[in-house]
Amino acid sequence: MRWLLCLWLGLAACERADEIDKTHAEGDGQATSAMRSRGFMGVRYVFRDGVVEIVDVIPKTAAELAGIRAGDRVLAFDGTPVRTGDELMGRVAAAGRFHIATVTVERDGQVQPVLLLTRRWPAIDGQ
């Protein structure tokens, strides 16, 4: 299955994803196994005017790899409208890691789909 994802997303994207996974695996491993099996996107957001707005994209995460930007307004995840930040994070987590999702965002007044390959939760360092 991984080779199919690499063909679809491109070899460079797969190599970058492997690098991100290696970086995350170098932590001290304190993240629980249940947490590590959940999907992770890698954004900080606020809920403003009824919409989830991305405030920051965490470096070396699925969101950065997909091209999600600060200022993007998330309208839907896999075709289902997002009404709250908790709803978005719940859907990402439930999707699990290595799920190819379509995140519908509004950027600069235009609605566009962004393909995102969810990743695993990073290891928690120094706790």
N, C-alpha and C. Protein backbone atom coordinates (compact mmCIF):
# COMPACT_ATOMS: atom_id res chain seq x y z
N MET A 1 0.82 -1.19 0.00
CA MET A 1 0.00 0.00 0.00
C MET A 1 0.87 1.26 0.00
N ARG A 2 1.98 1.22 0.73
CA ARG A 2 2.84 2.40 0.80
C ARG A 2 3.36 2.79 -0.58
N TRP A 3 3.73 1.81 -1.39
CA TRP A 3 4.24 2.14 -2.71
C TRP A 3 3.18 2.84 -3.55
N LEU A 4 1.90 2.48 -3.35
CA LEU A 4 0.82 3.13 -4.08
C LEU A 4 0.70 4.60 -3.66
N LEU A 5 0.82 4.85 -2.36
CA LEU A 5 0.79 6.23 -1.87
C LEU A 5 1.95 7.03 -2.46
N CYS A 6 3.12 6.41 -2.52
CA CYS A 6 4.29 7.10 -3.07
C CYS A 6 4.10 7.43 -4.55
N LEU A 7 3.51 6.51 -5.28
CA LEU A 7 3.24 6.80 -6.69
C LEU A 7 2.25 7.94 -6.84
N TRP A 8 1.25 7.96 -5.97
CA TRP A 8 0.19 8.96 -6.08
C TRP A 8 0.68 10.33 -5.60
N LEU A 9 1.38 10.37 -4.46
CA LEU A 9 1.82 11.64 -3.89
C LEU A 9 3.16 12.10 -4.45
N GLY A 10 3.92 11.18 -5.01
CA GLY A 10 5.23 11.51 -5.54
C GLY A 10 6.33 11.05 -4.60
N LEU A 11 7.42 10.62 -5.16
CA LEU A 11 8.53 10.08 -4.38
C LEU A 11 9.08 11.11 -3.40
N ALA A 12 9.19 12.35 -3.80
CA ALA A 12 9.73 13.39 -2.91
C ALA A 12 8.86 13.54 -1.66
N ALA A 13 7.55 13.47 -1.83
CA ALA A 13 6.64 13.59 -0.68
C ALA A 13 6.83 12.40 0.26
N CYS A 14 7.00 11.22 -0.28
CA CYS A 14 7.22 10.03 0.56
C CYS A 14 8.54 10.11 1.30
N GLU A 15 9.59 10.57 0.62
CA GLU A 15 10.88 10.71 1.29
C GLU A 15 10.80 11.73 2.41
N ARG A 16 10.09 12.83 2.17
CA ARG A 16 9.92 13.87 3.19
C ARG A 16 9.11 13.31 4.36
N ALA A 17 8.08 12.54 4.09
CA ALA A 17 7.27 11.93 5.15
C ALA A 17 8.10 10.97 5.98
N ASP A 18 8.98 10.19 5.34
CA ASP A 18 9.87 9.28 6.07
C ASP A 18 10.79 10.07 7.00
N GLU A 19 11.30 11.20 6.51
CA GLU A 19 12.18 12.04 7.32
C GLU A 19 11.43 12.58 8.53
N ILE A 20 10.18 13.00 8.33
CA ILE A 20 9.36 13.51 9.43
C ILE A 20 9.11 12.40 10.45
N ASP A 21 8.76 11.20 9.99
CA ASP A 21 8.54 10.08 10.91
C ASP A 21 9.79 9.78 11.71
N LYS A 22 10.96 9.81 11.06
CA LYS A 22 12.20 9.52 11.76
C LYS A 22 12.45 10.57 12.83
N THR A 23 12.22 11.83 12.53
CA THR A 23 12.39 12.91 13.50
C THR A 23 11.47 12.70 14.69
N HIS A 24 10.22 12.36 14.42
CA HIS A 24 9.26 12.16 15.50
C HIS A 24 9.60 10.93 16.32
N ALA A 25 10.15 9.92 15.72
CA ALA A 25 10.47 8.69 16.43
C ALA A 25 11.67 8.87 17.36
N GLU A 26 12.44 9.94 17.18
CA GLU A 26 13.63 10.15 17.99
C GLU A 26 13.32 10.73 19.36
N GLY A 27 12.06 11.05 19.66
CA GLY A 27 11.69 11.54 20.98
C GLY A 27 11.86 10.43 22.01
N ASP A 28 11.49 10.73 23.25
CA ASP A 28 11.73 9.74 24.31
C ASP A 28 10.62 8.70 24.41
N GLY A 29 9.64 8.73 23.50
CA GLY A 29 8.65 7.66 23.41
C GLY A 29 7.57 7.71 24.47
N GLN A 30 7.32 8.86 25.08
CA GLN A 30 6.33 8.93 26.13
C GLN A 30 4.90 9.06 25.62
N ALA A 31 4.70 9.28 24.34
CA ALA A 31 3.34 9.31 23.81
C ALA A 31 2.76 7.91 23.92
N THR A 32 1.51 7.80 24.31
CA THR A 32 0.91 6.49 24.49
C THR A 32 0.72 5.81 23.14
N SER A 33 0.66 4.49 23.16
CA SER A 33 0.49 3.77 21.90
C SER A 33 -0.86 4.09 21.27
N ALA A 34 -1.90 4.31 22.08
CA ALA A 34 -3.21 4.68 21.53
C ALA A 34 -3.11 6.03 20.82
N MET A 35 -2.38 6.95 21.41
CA MET A 35 -2.21 8.26 20.80
C MET A 35 -1.43 8.15 19.50
N ARG A 36 -0.42 7.29 19.47
CA ARG A 36 0.42 7.16 18.30
C ARG A 36 -0.32 6.55 17.11
N SER A 37 -1.40 5.83 17.36
CA SER A 37 -2.15 5.23 16.26
C SER A 37 -3.20 6.19 15.69
N ARG A 38 -3.42 7.30 16.36
CA ARG A 38 -4.40 8.29 15.89
C ARG A 38 -3.76 9.19 14.85
N GLY A 39 -4.60 9.76 14.01
CA GLY A 39 -4.10 10.68 13.00
C GLY A 39 -3.67 12.01 13.60
N PHE A 40 -2.71 12.65 12.98
CA PHE A 40 -2.17 13.92 13.44
C PHE A 40 -1.99 14.82 12.24
N MET A 41 -2.40 16.08 12.37
CA MET A 41 -2.34 17.03 11.27
C MET A 41 -1.20 18.04 11.47
N GLY A 42 -1.08 18.60 12.66
CA GLY A 42 0.03 19.51 12.95
C GLY A 42 -0.27 20.98 12.76
N VAL A 43 -1.40 21.43 13.31
CA VAL A 43 -1.74 22.85 13.21
C VAL A 43 -2.17 23.39 14.57
N ARG A 44 -2.04 24.69 14.71
CA ARG A 44 -2.65 25.41 15.82
C ARG A 44 -3.75 26.25 15.20
N TYR A 45 -4.88 26.33 15.88
CA TYR A 45 -6.03 27.00 15.27
C TYR A 45 -6.82 27.79 16.31
N VAL A 46 -7.67 28.68 15.82
CA VAL A 46 -8.66 29.36 16.64
C VAL A 46 -10.01 29.15 15.97
N PHE A 47 -11.05 29.23 16.77
CA PHE A 47 -12.40 29.15 16.22
C PHE A 47 -12.93 30.58 16.22
N ARG A 48 -13.10 31.14 15.02
CA ARG A 48 -13.47 32.53 14.88
C ARG A 48 -14.59 32.68 13.86
N ASP A 49 -15.63 33.39 14.24
CA ASP A 49 -16.76 33.65 13.34
C ASP A 49 -17.34 32.36 12.76
N GLY A 50 -17.40 31.31 13.59
CA GLY A 50 -18.00 30.05 13.17
C GLY A 50 -17.14 29.19 12.27
N VAL A 51 -15.84 29.53 12.15
CA VAL A 51 -14.95 28.78 11.26
C VAL A 51 -13.63 28.50 11.98
N VAL A 52 -13.05 27.33 11.70
CA VAL A 52 -11.73 26.98 12.21
C VAL A 52 -10.69 27.69 11.34
N GLU A 53 -9.91 28.57 11.96
CA GLU A 53 -8.88 29.30 11.23
C GLU A 53 -7.50 28.86 11.72
N ILE A 54 -6.65 28.49 10.78
CA ILE A 54 -5.30 28.04 11.11
C ILE A 54 -4.47 29.26 11.51
N VAL A 55 -3.87 29.18 12.71
CA VAL A 55 -3.02 30.26 13.22
C VAL A 55 -1.57 29.97 12.90
N ASP A 56 -1.19 28.68 13.00
CA ASP A 56 0.20 28.30 12.82
C ASP A 56 0.26 26.86 12.32
N VAL A 57 1.20 26.59 11.46
CA VAL A 57 1.46 25.23 11.00
C VAL A 57 2.75 24.77 11.66
N ILE A 58 2.68 23.66 12.37
CA ILE A 58 3.83 23.15 13.09
C ILE A 58 4.82 22.56 12.07
N PRO A 59 6.10 22.97 12.18
CA PRO A 59 7.10 22.47 11.22
C PRO A 59 7.22 20.95 11.26
N LYS A 60 7.53 20.39 10.10
CA LYS A 60 7.77 18.95 9.93
C LYS A 60 6.55 18.11 10.28
N THR A 61 5.36 18.58 9.91
CA THR A 61 4.14 17.82 10.15
C THR A 61 3.40 17.60 8.83
N ALA A 62 2.33 16.82 8.90
CA ALA A 62 1.52 16.54 7.72
C ALA A 62 0.96 17.81 7.10
N ALA A 63 0.56 18.76 7.95
CA ALA A 63 -0.01 20.01 7.44
C ALA A 63 1.03 20.79 6.63
N GLU A 64 2.25 20.85 7.14
CA GLU A 64 3.31 21.55 6.40
C GLU A 64 3.58 20.87 5.06
N LEU A 65 3.67 19.55 5.09
CA LEU A 65 3.92 18.78 3.87
C LEU A 65 2.81 18.99 2.84
N ALA A 66 1.57 19.12 3.31
CA ALA A 66 0.42 19.29 2.42
C ALA A 66 0.30 20.72 1.88
N GLY A 67 0.98 21.66 2.52
CA GLY A 67 0.90 23.04 2.06
C GLY A 67 -0.17 23.86 2.74
N ILE A 68 -0.69 23.39 3.86
CA ILE A 68 -1.66 24.18 4.62
C ILE A 68 -0.91 25.37 5.21
N ARG A 69 -1.57 26.53 5.23
CA ARG A 69 -0.92 27.76 5.65
C ARG A 69 -1.67 28.45 6.78
N ALA A 70 -0.94 29.25 7.53
CA ALA A 70 -1.59 30.12 8.52
C ALA A 70 -2.55 31.03 7.76
N GLY A 71 -3.73 31.22 8.32
CA GLY A 71 -4.74 32.04 7.65
C GLY A 71 -5.78 31.22 6.89
N ASP A 72 -5.44 29.96 6.57
CA ASP A 72 -6.43 29.09 5.91
C ASP A 72 -7.62 28.89 6.85
N ARG A 73 -8.80 28.88 6.28
CA ARG A 73 -10.01 28.62 7.04
C ARG A 73 -10.51 27.24 6.63
N VAL A 74 -10.59 26.31 7.58
CA VAL A 74 -10.97 24.93 7.28
C VAL A 74 -12.48 24.83 7.22
N LEU A 75 -12.98 24.42 6.06
CA LEU A 75 -14.42 24.30 5.85
C LEU A 75 -14.91 22.87 5.98
N ALA A 76 -14.08 21.90 5.56
CA ALA A 76 -14.52 20.50 5.59
C ALA A 76 -13.31 19.57 5.68
N PHE A 77 -13.55 18.38 6.21
CA PHE A 77 -12.55 17.32 6.26
C PHE A 77 -13.18 16.09 5.62
N ASP A 78 -12.58 15.62 4.55
CA ASP A 78 -13.11 14.48 3.78
C ASP A 78 -14.57 14.69 3.37
N GLY A 79 -14.87 15.90 2.95
CA GLY A 79 -16.20 16.20 2.41
C GLY A 79 -17.27 16.51 3.43
N THR A 80 -16.97 16.38 4.72
CA THR A 80 -17.95 16.65 5.77
C THR A 80 -17.63 18.02 6.39
N PRO A 81 -18.60 18.93 6.42
CA PRO A 81 -18.34 20.26 6.99
C PRO A 81 -17.81 20.19 8.42
N VAL A 82 -16.90 21.10 8.72
CA VAL A 82 -16.31 21.20 10.06
C VAL A 82 -16.97 22.40 10.74
N ARG A 83 -17.56 22.14 11.92
CA ARG A 83 -18.27 23.21 12.64
C ARG A 83 -17.52 23.73 13.86
N THR A 84 -16.55 22.95 14.36
CA THR A 84 -15.76 23.38 15.52
C THR A 84 -14.34 22.84 15.40
N GLY A 85 -13.44 23.43 16.17
CA GLY A 85 -12.07 22.95 16.19
C GLY A 85 -11.98 21.54 16.74
N ASP A 86 -12.75 21.26 17.79
CA ASP A 86 -12.76 19.91 18.37
C ASP A 86 -13.25 18.88 17.36
N GLU A 87 -14.21 19.28 16.55
CA GLU A 87 -14.73 18.37 15.52
C GLU A 87 -13.64 18.05 14.49
N LEU A 88 -12.89 19.06 14.07
CA LEU A 88 -11.80 18.83 13.12
C LEU A 88 -10.76 17.88 13.71
N MET A 89 -10.29 18.17 14.91
CA MET A 89 -9.25 17.34 15.52
C MET A 89 -9.76 15.92 15.79
N GLY A 90 -11.04 15.79 16.14
CA GLY A 90 -11.63 14.46 16.34
C GLY A 90 -11.65 13.66 15.06
N ARG A 91 -11.98 14.31 13.95
CA ARG A 91 -12.01 13.60 12.67
C ARG A 91 -10.62 13.20 12.21
N VAL A 92 -9.67 14.08 12.41
CA VAL A 92 -8.28 13.76 12.03
C VAL A 92 -7.79 12.58 12.86
N ALA A 93 -8.03 12.63 14.16
CA ALA A 93 -7.59 11.54 15.05
C ALA A 93 -8.25 10.22 14.67
N ALA A 94 -9.56 10.27 14.41
CA ALA A 94 -10.31 9.05 14.08
C ALA A 94 -9.88 8.47 12.73
N ALA A 95 -9.42 9.32 11.83
CA ALA A 95 -8.98 8.85 10.51
C ALA A 95 -7.77 7.93 10.64
N GLY A 96 -7.01 8.11 11.71
CA GLY A 96 -5.81 7.29 11.89
C GLY A 96 -4.66 7.81 11.06
N ARG A 97 -3.51 7.18 11.27
CA ARG A 97 -2.35 7.63 10.52
C ARG A 97 -2.35 7.01 9.12
N PHE A 98 -1.70 7.69 8.21
CA PHE A 98 -1.58 7.28 6.81
C PHE A 98 -2.92 7.25 6.09
N HIS A 99 -3.81 8.16 6.46
CA HIS A 99 -5.09 8.33 5.77
C HIS A 99 -4.96 9.52 4.83
N ILE A 100 -5.32 9.32 3.58
CA ILE A 100 -5.30 10.42 2.62
C ILE A 100 -6.63 11.15 2.73
N ALA A 101 -6.55 12.39 3.19
CA ALA A 101 -7.76 13.18 3.42
C ALA A 101 -7.79 14.39 2.49
N THR A 102 -8.99 14.82 2.18
CA THR A 102 -9.17 16.08 1.48
C THR A 102 -9.64 17.10 2.50
N VAL A 103 -8.82 18.11 2.72
CA VAL A 103 -9.17 19.19 3.63
C VAL A 103 -9.58 20.37 2.75
N THR A 104 -10.83 20.79 2.88
CA THR A 104 -11.32 21.91 2.09
C THR A 104 -11.07 23.19 2.87
N VAL A 105 -10.29 24.09 2.27
CA VAL A 105 -9.95 25.34 2.94
C VAL A 105 -10.39 26.53 2.10
N GLU A 106 -10.58 27.63 2.79
CA GLU A 106 -10.77 28.91 2.10
C GLU A 106 -9.48 29.68 2.29
N ARG A 107 -8.87 30.04 1.17
CA ARG A 107 -7.60 30.78 1.20
C ARG A 107 -7.72 31.96 0.26
N ASP A 108 -7.48 33.14 0.78
CA ASP A 108 -7.56 34.36 -0.01
C ASP A 108 -8.90 34.48 -0.74
N GLY A 109 -9.97 34.08 -0.05
CA GLY A 109 -11.31 34.21 -0.59
C GLY A 109 -11.73 33.12 -1.56
N GLN A 110 -10.83 32.16 -1.83
CA GLN A 110 -11.17 31.07 -2.75
C GLN A 110 -11.17 29.74 -2.01
N VAL A 111 -12.18 28.92 -2.30
CA VAL A 111 -12.29 27.59 -1.70
C VAL A 111 -11.48 26.62 -2.54
N GLN A 112 -10.64 25.81 -1.86
CA GLN A 112 -9.82 24.84 -2.58
C GLN A 112 -9.57 23.60 -1.74
N PRO A 113 -9.45 22.45 -2.40
CA PRO A 113 -9.12 21.22 -1.68
C PRO A 113 -7.61 21.10 -1.49
N VAL A 114 -7.21 20.55 -0.35
CA VAL A 114 -5.80 20.26 -0.07
C VAL A 114 -5.72 18.79 0.31
N LEU A 115 -4.87 18.04 -0.36
CA LEU A 115 -4.67 16.63 -0.01
C LEU A 115 -3.66 16.55 1.13
N LEU A 116 -4.04 15.81 2.16
CA LEU A 116 -3.20 15.68 3.35
C LEU A 116 -3.09 14.21 3.71
N LEU A 117 -1.89 13.75 3.95
CA LEU A 117 -1.65 12.39 4.41
C LEU A 117 -1.43 12.47 5.91
N THR A 118 -2.42 12.02 6.70
CA THR A 118 -2.28 12.10 8.15
C THR A 118 -1.08 11.29 8.60
N ARG A 119 -0.46 11.73 9.64
CA ARG A 119 0.73 11.08 10.17
C ARG A 119 0.44 10.62 11.58
N ARG A 120 1.42 10.01 12.23
CA ARG A 120 1.25 9.61 13.62
C ARG A 120 1.59 10.79 14.53
N TRP A 121 1.12 10.72 15.76
CA TRP A 121 1.45 11.74 16.75
C TRP A 121 2.95 11.68 17.02
N PRO A 122 3.57 12.83 17.16
CA PRO A 122 5.01 12.84 17.47
C PRO A 122 5.26 12.38 18.90
N ALA A 123 6.48 11.91 19.15
CA ALA A 123 6.87 11.55 20.51
C ALA A 123 6.92 12.82 21.36
N ILE A 124 6.66 12.66 22.63
CA ILE A 124 6.68 13.79 23.56
C ILE A 124 8.06 13.86 24.19
N ASP A 125 8.72 14.98 24.05
CA ASP A 125 10.09 15.12 24.57
C ASP A 125 10.10 15.77 25.95
N GLY A 126 11.03 15.32 26.77
CA GLY A 126 11.37 16.01 28.01
C GLY A 126 10.32 16.07 29.09
N GLN A 127 9.43 15.12 29.20
CA GLN A 127 8.45 15.16 30.28
C GLN A 127 8.68 14.05 31.26
